[in-house]
Amino acid sequence: LWYFTNAGLEEAKTKTTIEDDAMIMSTLPDGST
């Protein structure tokens, strides 16, 4: 639900725009990337 709070919407608005299909490096739950 946080994504729909004022803080979550503000974070989405101020976040640097990246194409949805762009690939980025992410850390998985097991610690791997």
All heavy atoms as atom14 arrays in JSON, in Angstrom:
{
  "sequence": "LWYFTNAGLEEAKTKTTIEDDAMIMSTLPDGST",
  "atom14_mask": [
    [1, 1, 1, 1, 1, 1, 1, 1, 0, 0, 0, 0, 0, 0],
    [1, 1, 1, 1, 1, 1, 1, 1, 1, 1, 1, 1, 1, 1],
    [1, 1, 1, 1, 1, 1, 1, 1, 1, 1, 1, 1, 0, 0],
    [1, 1, 1, 1, 1, 1, 1, 1, 1, 1, 1, 0, 0, 0],
    [1, 1, 1, 1, 1, 1, 1, 0, 0, 0, 0, 0, 0, 0],
    [1, 1, 1, 1, 1, 1, 1, 1, 0, 0, 0, 0, 0, 0],
    [1, 1, 1, 1, 1, 0, 0, 0, 0, 0, 0, 0, 0, 0],
    [1, 1, 1, 1, 0, 0, 0, 0, 0, 0, 0, 0, 0, 0],
    [1, 1, 1, 1, 1, 1, 1, 1, 0, 0, 0, 0, 0, 0],
    [1, 1, 1, 1, 1, 1, 1, 1, 1, 0, 0, 0, 0, 0],
    [1, 1, 1, 1, 1, 1, 1, 1, 1, 0, 0, 0, 0, 0],
    [1, 1, 1, 1, 1, 0, 0, 0, 0, 0, 0, 0, 0, 0],
    [1, 1, 1, 1, 1, 1, 1, 1, 1, 0, 0, 0, 0, 0],
    [1, 1, 1, 1, 1, 1, 1, 0, 0, 0, 0, 0, 0, 0],
    [1, 1, 1, 1, 1, 1, 1, 1, 1, 0, 0, 0, 0, 0],
    [1, 1, 1, 1, 1, 1, 1, 0, 0, 0, 0, 0, 0, 0],
    [1, 1, 1, 1, 1, 1, 1, 0, 0, 0, 0, 0, 0, 0],
    [1, 1, 1, 1, 1, 1, 1, 1, 0, 0, 0, 0, 0, 0],
    [1, 1, 1, 1, 1, 1, 1, 1, 1, 0, 0, 0, 0, 0],
    [1, 1, 1, 1, 1, 1, 1, 1, 0, 0, 0, 0, 0, 0],
    [1, 1, 1, 1, 1, 1, 1, 1, 0, 0, 0, 0, 0, 0],
    [1, 1, 1, 1, 1, 0, 0, 0, 0, 0, 0, 0, 0, 0],
    [1, 1, 1, 1, 1, 1, 1, 1, 0, 0, 0, 0, 0, 0],
    [1, 1, 1, 1, 1, 1, 1, 1, 0, 0, 0, 0, 0, 0],
    [1, 1, 1, 1, 1, 1, 1, 1, 0, 0, 0, 0, 0, 0],
    [1, 1, 1, 1, 1, 1, 0, 0, 0, 0, 0, 0, 0, 0],
    [1, 1, 1, 1, 1, 1, 1, 0, 0, 0, 0, 0, 0, 0],
    [1, 1, 1, 1, 1, 1, 1, 1, 0, 0, 0, 0, 0, 0],
    [1, 1, 1, 1, 1, 1, 1, 0, 0, 0, 0, 0, 0, 0],
    [1, 1, 1, 1, 1, 1, 1, 1, 0, 0, 0, 0, 0, 0],
    [1, 1, 1, 1, 0, 0, 0, 0, 0, 0, 0, 0, 0, 0],
    [1, 1, 1, 1, 1, 1, 0, 0, 0, 0, 0, 0, 0, 0],
    [1, 1, 1, 1, 1, 1, 1, 0, 0, 0, 0, 0, 0, 0]
  ],
  "atom14_positions": [
    [[0.82, -1.22, 0.0], [0.0, 0.0, 0.0], [0.85, 1.26, 0.0], [0.38, 2.33, -0.4], [-0.93, 0.01, 1.22], [-2.15, -0.91, 1.18], [-2.82, -0.95, 2.54], [-3.13, -0.47, 0.11], [0.0, 0.0, 0.0], [0.0, 0.0, 0.0], [0.0, 0.0, 0.0], [0.0, 0.0, 0.0], [0.0, 0.0, 0.0], [0.0, 0.0, 0.0]],
    [[2.1, 1.14, 0.45], [2.96, 2.32, 0.55], [3.07, 3.06, -0.78], [3.18, 4.28, -0.8], [4.36, 1.89, 1.01], [5.34, 3.04, 1.04], [5.54, 3.94, 2.03], [6.24, 3.41, -0.02], [6.5, 4.84, 1.67], [6.95, 4.55, 0.41], [6.51, 2.89, -1.28], [7.92, 5.17, -0.36], [7.47, 3.5, -2.06], [8.16, 4.63, -1.61]],
    [[3.03, 2.33, -1.89], [3.17, 2.96, -3.2], [2.06, 3.96, -3.49], [2.19, 4.79, -4.39], [3.19, 1.89, -4.29], [4.46, 1.08, -4.31], [4.5, -0.19, -3.73], [5.62, 1.58, -4.88], [5.67, -0.94, -3.74], [6.79, 0.84, -4.89], [6.81, -0.42, -4.32], [7.97, -1.15, -4.32], [0.0, 0.0, 0.0], [0.0, 0.0, 0.0]],
    [[0.97, 3.89, -2.71], [-0.17, 4.77, -2.94], [-0.34, 5.8, -1.82], [-1.34, 6.5, -1.78], [-1.44, 3.93, -3.12], [-1.35, 3.0, -4.28], [-0.82, 1.72, -4.13], [-1.75, 3.4, -5.54], [-0.71, 0.86, -5.21], [-1.64, 2.54, -6.62], [-1.11, 1.28, -6.46], [0.0, 0.0, 0.0], [0.0, 0.0, 0.0], [0.0, 0.0, 0.0]],
    [[0.63, 5.87, -0.94], [0.66, 6.94, 0.06], [1.28, 8.17, -0.58], [1.85, 8.12, -1.68], [1.47, 6.52, 1.29], [2.84, 6.3, 0.9], [0.91, 5.24, 1.91], [0.0, 0.0, 0.0], [0.0, 0.0, 0.0], [0.0, 0.0, 0.0], [0.0, 0.0, 0.0], [0.0, 0.0, 0.0], [0.0, 0.0, 0.0], [0.0, 0.0, 0.0]],
    [[1.21, 9.31, 0.13], [1.84, 10.53, -0.39], [3.32, 10.32, -0.63], [3.88, 10.76, -1.64], [1.62, 11.69, 0.59], [0.19, 12.19, 0.56], [-0.56, 11.92, -0.37], [-0.2, 12.92, 1.6], [0.0, 0.0, 0.0], [0.0, 0.0, 0.0], [0.0, 0.0, 0.0], [0.0, 0.0, 0.0], [0.0, 0.0, 0.0], [0.0, 0.0, 0.0]],
    [[3.98, 9.64, 0.32], [5.42, 9.4, 0.18], [5.72, 8.52, -1.02], [6.67, 8.78, -1.78], [5.96, 8.75, 1.46], [0.0, 0.0, 0.0], [0.0, 0.0, 0.0], [0.0, 0.0, 0.0], [0.0, 0.0, 0.0], [0.0, 0.0, 0.0], [0.0, 0.0, 0.0], [0.0, 0.0, 0.0], [0.0, 0.0, 0.0], [0.0, 0.0, 0.0]],
    [[4.92, 7.48, -1.21], [5.15, 6.59, -2.34], [4.93, 7.26, -3.68], [5.7, 7.07, -4.63], [0.0, 0.0, 0.0], [0.0, 0.0, 0.0], [0.0, 0.0, 0.0], [0.0, 0.0, 0.0], [0.0, 0.0, 0.0], [0.0, 0.0, 0.0], [0.0, 0.0, 0.0], [0.0, 0.0, 0.0], [0.0, 0.0, 0.0], [0.0, 0.0, 0.0]],
    [[3.87, 8.07, -3.78], [3.59, 8.79, -5.02], [4.64, 9.85, -5.29], [5.02, 10.09, -6.44], [2.2, 9.42, -4.95], [1.03, 8.44, -4.88], [-0.28, 9.19, -4.71], [0.97, 7.54, -6.11], [0.0, 0.0, 0.0], [0.0, 0.0, 0.0], [0.0, 0.0, 0.0], [0.0, 0.0, 0.0], [0.0, 0.0, 0.0], [0.0, 0.0, 0.0]],
    [[5.13, 10.49, -4.23], [6.17, 11.5, -4.39], [7.47, 10.85, -4.86], [8.17, 11.39, -5.71], [6.4, 12.22, -3.06], [7.33, 13.42, -3.15], [6.77, 14.53, -4.01], [5.52, 14.62, -4.14], [7.57, 15.31, -4.56], [0.0, 0.0, 0.0], [0.0, 0.0, 0.0], [0.0, 0.0, 0.0], [0.0, 0.0, 0.0], [0.0, 0.0, 0.0]],
    [[7.76, 9.67, -4.32], [8.97, 8.95, -4.74], [8.89, 8.56, -6.2], [9.87, 8.65, -6.94], [9.14, 7.69, -3.87], [10.54, 7.09, -3.9], [10.69, 6.05, -4.99], [9.67, 5.59, -5.52], [11.85, 5.71, -5.31], [0.0, 0.0, 0.0], [0.0, 0.0, 0.0], [0.0, 0.0, 0.0], [0.0, 0.0, 0.0], [0.0, 0.0, 0.0]],
    [[7.69, 8.14, -6.65], [7.5, 7.78, -8.05], [7.63, 8.99, -8.96], [8.12, 8.9, -10.09], [6.14, 7.12, -8.24], [0.0, 0.0, 0.0], [0.0, 0.0, 0.0], [0.0, 0.0, 0.0], [0.0, 0.0, 0.0], [0.0, 0.0, 0.0], [0.0, 0.0, 0.0], [0.0, 0.0, 0.0], [0.0, 0.0, 0.0], [0.0, 0.0, 0.0]],
    [[7.2, 10.15, -8.46], [7.23, 11.38, -9.27], [8.63, 11.95, -9.4], [9.0, 12.49, -10.45], [6.29, 12.41, -8.64], [6.18, 13.7, -9.45], [5.07, 14.58, -8.91], [5.31, 15.0, -7.48], [4.27, 15.92, -6.98], [0.0, 0.0, 0.0], [0.0, 0.0, 0.0], [0.0, 0.0, 0.0], [0.0, 0.0, 0.0], [0.0, 0.0, 0.0]],
    [[9.42, 11.85, -8.35], [10.76, 12.45, -8.35], [11.84, 11.49, -8.82], [12.96, 11.9, -9.08], [11.13, 12.94, -6.93], [11.06, 11.82, -6.02], [10.15, 13.99, -6.47], [0.0, 0.0, 0.0], [0.0, 0.0, 0.0], [0.0, 0.0, 0.0], [0.0, 0.0, 0.0], [0.0, 0.0, 0.0], [0.0, 0.0, 0.0], [0.0, 0.0, 0.0]],
    [[11.49, 10.2, -8.93], [12.48, 9.21, -9.34], [12.89, 9.47, -10.78], [12.09, 9.84, -11.62], [11.88, 7.8, -9.22], [12.88, 6.69, -9.5], [12.2, 5.34, -9.28], [13.18, 4.2, -9.56], [12.53, 2.89, -9.36], [0.0, 0.0, 0.0], [0.0, 0.0, 0.0], [0.0, 0.0, 0.0], [0.0, 0.0, 0.0], [0.0, 0.0, 0.0]],
    [[14.17, 9.26, -11.05], [14.68, 9.43, -12.4], [13.95, 8.51, -13.36], [13.81, 7.33, -13.12], [16.19, 9.13, -12.45], [16.85, 9.96, -11.51], [16.75, 9.36, -13.84], [0.0, 0.0, 0.0], [0.0, 0.0, 0.0], [0.0, 0.0, 0.0], [0.0, 0.0, 0.0], [0.0, 0.0, 0.0], [0.0, 0.0, 0.0], [0.0, 0.0, 0.0]],
    [[13.48, 9.07, -14.45], [12.7, 8.3, -15.42], [13.58, 7.27, -16.13], [14.63, 7.6, -16.67], [12.07, 9.23, -16.47], [11.25, 10.18, -15.8], [11.24, 8.43, -17.46], [0.0, 0.0, 0.0], [0.0, 0.0, 0.0], [0.0, 0.0, 0.0], [0.0, 0.0, 0.0], [0.0, 0.0, 0.0], [0.0, 0.0, 0.0], [0.0, 0.0, 0.0]],
    [[13.13, 6.01, -16.1], [13.82, 4.91, -16.77], [12.79, 4.13, -17.56], [11.68, 3.91, -17.09], [14.52, 3.98, -15.75], [15.52, 4.76, -14.92], [15.2, 2.82, -16.47], [16.2, 3.91, -13.86], [0.0, 0.0, 0.0], [0.0, 0.0, 0.0], [0.0, 0.0, 0.0], [0.0, 0.0, 0.0], [0.0, 0.0, 0.0], [0.0, 0.0, 0.0]],
    [[13.14, 3.73, -18.76], [12.22, 2.92, -19.56], [11.89, 1.64, -18.82], [12.77, 0.98, -18.26], [12.87, 2.58, -20.91], [12.89, 3.74, -21.89], [11.51, 4.1, -22.39], [10.65, 3.21, -22.4], [11.31, 5.26, -22.77], [0.0, 0.0, 0.0], [0.0, 0.0, 0.0], [0.0, 0.0, 0.0], [0.0, 0.0, 0.0], [0.0, 0.0, 0.0]],
    [[10.61, 1.25, -18.83], [10.19, 0.05, -18.12], [10.92, -1.19, -18.62], [11.19, -2.12, -17.86], [8.67, -0.15, -18.28], [7.88, 0.88, -17.47], [8.52, 1.59, -16.67], [6.67, 0.97, -17.65], [0.0, 0.0, 0.0], [0.0, 0.0, 0.0], [0.0, 0.0, 0.0], [0.0, 0.0, 0.0], [0.0, 0.0, 0.0], [0.0, 0.0, 0.0]],
    [[11.22, -1.22, -19.92], [11.88, -2.4, -20.48], [13.39, -2.37, -20.32], [14.07, -3.32, -20.69], [11.53, -2.53, -21.97], [10.05, -2.8, -22.19], [9.44, -3.37, -21.26], [9.52, -2.46, -23.26], [0.0, 0.0, 0.0], [0.0, 0.0, 0.0], [0.0, 0.0, 0.0], [0.0, 0.0, 0.0], [0.0, 0.0, 0.0], [0.0, 0.0, 0.0]],
    [[13.93, -1.27, -19.79], [15.38, -1.19, -19.6], [15.82, -2.19, -18.54], [15.1, -2.46, -17.58], [15.77, 0.23, -19.19], [0.0, 0.0, 0.0], [0.0, 0.0, 0.0], [0.0, 0.0, 0.0], [0.0, 0.0, 0.0], [0.0, 0.0, 0.0], [0.0, 0.0, 0.0], [0.0, 0.0, 0.0], [0.0, 0.0, 0.0], [0.0, 0.0, 0.0]],
    [[17.0, -2.75, -18.71], [17.53, -3.74, -17.78], [18.47, -3.06, -16.78], [19.33, -2.26, -17.17], [18.28, -4.83, -18.54], [17.43, -5.54, -19.59], [15.96, -6.34, -18.89], [16.73, -7.69, -17.99], [0.0, 0.0, 0.0], [0.0, 0.0, 0.0], [0.0, 0.0, 0.0], [0.0, 0.0, 0.0], [0.0, 0.0, 0.0], [0.0, 0.0, 0.0]],
    [[18.26, -3.34, -15.5], [19.1, -2.78, -14.46], [19.58, -3.91, -13.56], [18.97, -4.97, -13.49], [18.33, -1.72, -13.63], [17.13, -2.36, -12.93], [17.9, -0.56, -14.49], [16.41, -1.41, -11.98], [0.0, 0.0, 0.0], [0.0, 0.0, 0.0], [0.0, 0.0, 0.0], [0.0, 0.0, 0.0], [0.0, 0.0, 0.0], [0.0, 0.0, 0.0]],
    [[20.71, -3.67, -12.86], [21.23, -4.66, -11.93], [20.45, -4.58, -10.62], [20.27, -3.51, -10.06], [22.72, -4.4, -11.67], [23.38, -5.46, -10.8], [23.43, -7.09, -11.61], [24.69, -6.79, -12.85], [0.0, 0.0, 0.0], [0.0, 0.0, 0.0], [0.0, 0.0, 0.0], [0.0, 0.0, 0.0], [0.0, 0.0, 0.0], [0.0, 0.0, 0.0]],
    [[19.96, -5.73, -10.16], [19.15, -5.78, -8.94], [19.67, -6.88, -8.02], [20.18, -7.9, -8.48], [17.68, -6.03, -9.28], [16.88, -6.13, -8.11], [0.0, 0.0, 0.0], [0.0, 0.0, 0.0], [0.0, 0.0, 0.0], [0.0, 0.0, 0.0], [0.0, 0.0, 0.0], [0.0, 0.0, 0.0], [0.0, 0.0, 0.0], [0.0, 0.0, 0.0]],
    [[19.56, -6.63, -6.72], [19.96, -7.62, -5.72], [18.78, -8.51, -5.39], [17.71, -8.04, -5.01], [20.47, -6.93, -4.44], [21.57, -6.08, -4.77], [20.92, -7.98, -3.42], [0.0, 0.0, 0.0], [0.0, 0.0, 0.0], [0.0, 0.0, 0.0], [0.0, 0.0, 0.0], [0.0, 0.0, 0.0], [0.0, 0.0, 0.0], [0.0, 0.0, 0.0]],
    [[18.95, -9.83, -5.53], [17.88, -10.79, -5.28], [17.8, -11.1, -3.79], [18.71, -10.78, -3.02], [18.14, -12.07, -6.08], [18.27, -11.88, -7.6], [18.56, -13.21, -8.28], [17.02, -11.25, -8.16], [0.0, 0.0, 0.0], [0.0, 0.0, 0.0], [0.0, 0.0, 0.0], [0.0, 0.0, 0.0], [0.0, 0.0, 0.0], [0.0, 0.0, 0.0]],
    [[16.68, -11.72, -3.34], [16.51, -12.03, -1.91], [17.64, -12.86, -1.32], [17.94, -12.75, -0.14], [15.17, -12.8, -1.89], [14.43, -12.29, -3.07], [15.47, -12.03, -4.11], [0.0, 0.0, 0.0], [0.0, 0.0, 0.0], [0.0, 0.0, 0.0], [0.0, 0.0, 0.0], [0.0, 0.0, 0.0], [0.0, 0.0, 0.0], [0.0, 0.0, 0.0]],
    [[18.29, -13.72, -2.14], [19.36, -14.56, -1.62], [20.72, -13.85, -1.59], [21.74, -14.46, -1.27], [19.47, -15.85, -2.42], [19.79, -15.58, -3.9], [19.91, -14.39, -4.27], [19.9, -16.55, -4.67], [0.0, 0.0, 0.0], [0.0, 0.0, 0.0], [0.0, 0.0, 0.0], [0.0, 0.0, 0.0], [0.0, 0.0, 0.0], [0.0, 0.0, 0.0]],
    [[20.72, -12.57, -1.96], [21.96, -11.8, -1.92], [22.68, -11.72, -3.24], [23.58, -10.9, -3.41], [0.0, 0.0, 0.0], [0.0, 0.0, 0.0], [0.0, 0.0, 0.0], [0.0, 0.0, 0.0], [0.0, 0.0, 0.0], [0.0, 0.0, 0.0], [0.0, 0.0, 0.0], [0.0, 0.0, 0.0], [0.0, 0.0, 0.0], [0.0, 0.0, 0.0]],
    [[22.3, -12.56, -4.21], [22.93, -12.53, -5.52], [22.37, -11.37, -6.34], [21.37, -10.75, -5.98], [22.71, -13.85, -6.25], [21.32, -14.07, -6.46], [0.0, 0.0, 0.0], [0.0, 0.0, 0.0], [0.0, 0.0, 0.0], [0.0, 0.0, 0.0], [0.0, 0.0, 0.0], [0.0, 0.0, 0.0], [0.0, 0.0, 0.0], [0.0, 0.0, 0.0]],
    [[23.03, -11.08, -7.44], [22.59, -9.99, -8.3], [22.24, -10.53, -9.68], [22.75, -11.57, -10.11], [23.69, -8.92, -8.44], [24.88, -9.53, -8.97], [23.98, -8.27, -7.1], [0.0, 0.0, 0.0], [0.0, 0.0, 0.0], [0.0, 0.0, 0.0], [0.0, 0.0, 0.0], [0.0, 0.0, 0.0], [0.0, 0.0, 0.0], [0.0, 0.0, 0.0]]
  ]
}
